[in-house]
Amino acid sequence: MAFNSERSGQAQLWVSSADGSAPRQLTSFKGERVFHSRWTPDGKRLIFWAANPKGDRAFFIVDAAGGNSRRISGYRDLDSFGVAANGEWLYVGGNAAAGYPLMKVPAGSPESKPIPVVDRGHNPLESPDGKWLFYTDNIRTGTLYRKAVDGSGEALAIAPQVRNHNYGATRDGIFYIAGGDPNPAIYYYDHATSRSRKIGDVKSRADYGLTVSPDGKTILFAIRTGGSDLMLVENYR
């Protein structure tokens, strides 16, 4: 699995085994801060975005096995992105001046002129079969929508109060975290029945991110915990 961590002193991209063991740092930026990442469909690389202290943001790609990160494009107003199930497109969102439209660009030439997808959208996610696009209408907490990737039909509102990036799709539906603090819950929306059912309560404040294993049997999500790290500075002058 891939995750962000500040355990090295600055937000970097890390990978580990599925059970969290053998964590390994992938990036070593000095000024940029690493944010959201997505696996490529082949599971061999990670695409992520990072921002420098001036607020300039850019896409990078790195091999999951290790190596140098490669900058692939810059987006000043980027606040969220997604990777198409076939790996051929990148979804980008975040242009506040234009009302936060959700756009897409070819993954092979991300500097190309963006193609509009929806008038307003954040946190885009395609279903594994490439049939559906999921997104919310607010970057933090908002309504979760489903829209056909081929553009047919109207967008369907699935649920309100869905958390930032707290949803993960399978071929048959989508898991999501919704509800207010202090105890939100996990739900599953089934495409076949067009209904959601509650899976269970989240016993703490849900944090950024939720993902589902390829077989749809395991859900991974983050919660907020209190506390601080005590750091040692060596050879201080």
Foldseek 3Di string as FASTA:
>chain_A
DWDWDCPVPATFIWDDPPVRPPIDTADDDDFKHWDDWDAALVRFKIWTKIAGPVQKMFIWMAGNVHDYIHTQGTDRQWDAWEAALNRQKIWTWGDVVQPTFIWIDGNVRRVDDTHTDGSAFHHWDAENVRQWIWTARDQAFFWIWIAGNVRDDDIDTQDGQWGHQAKEHYPFWIWTWGDDPDKIFIWTAGPVVRHIDTDGIDRGAWDHHKYAPRVRPDIDTDHDDDDDDDDDDPPDD
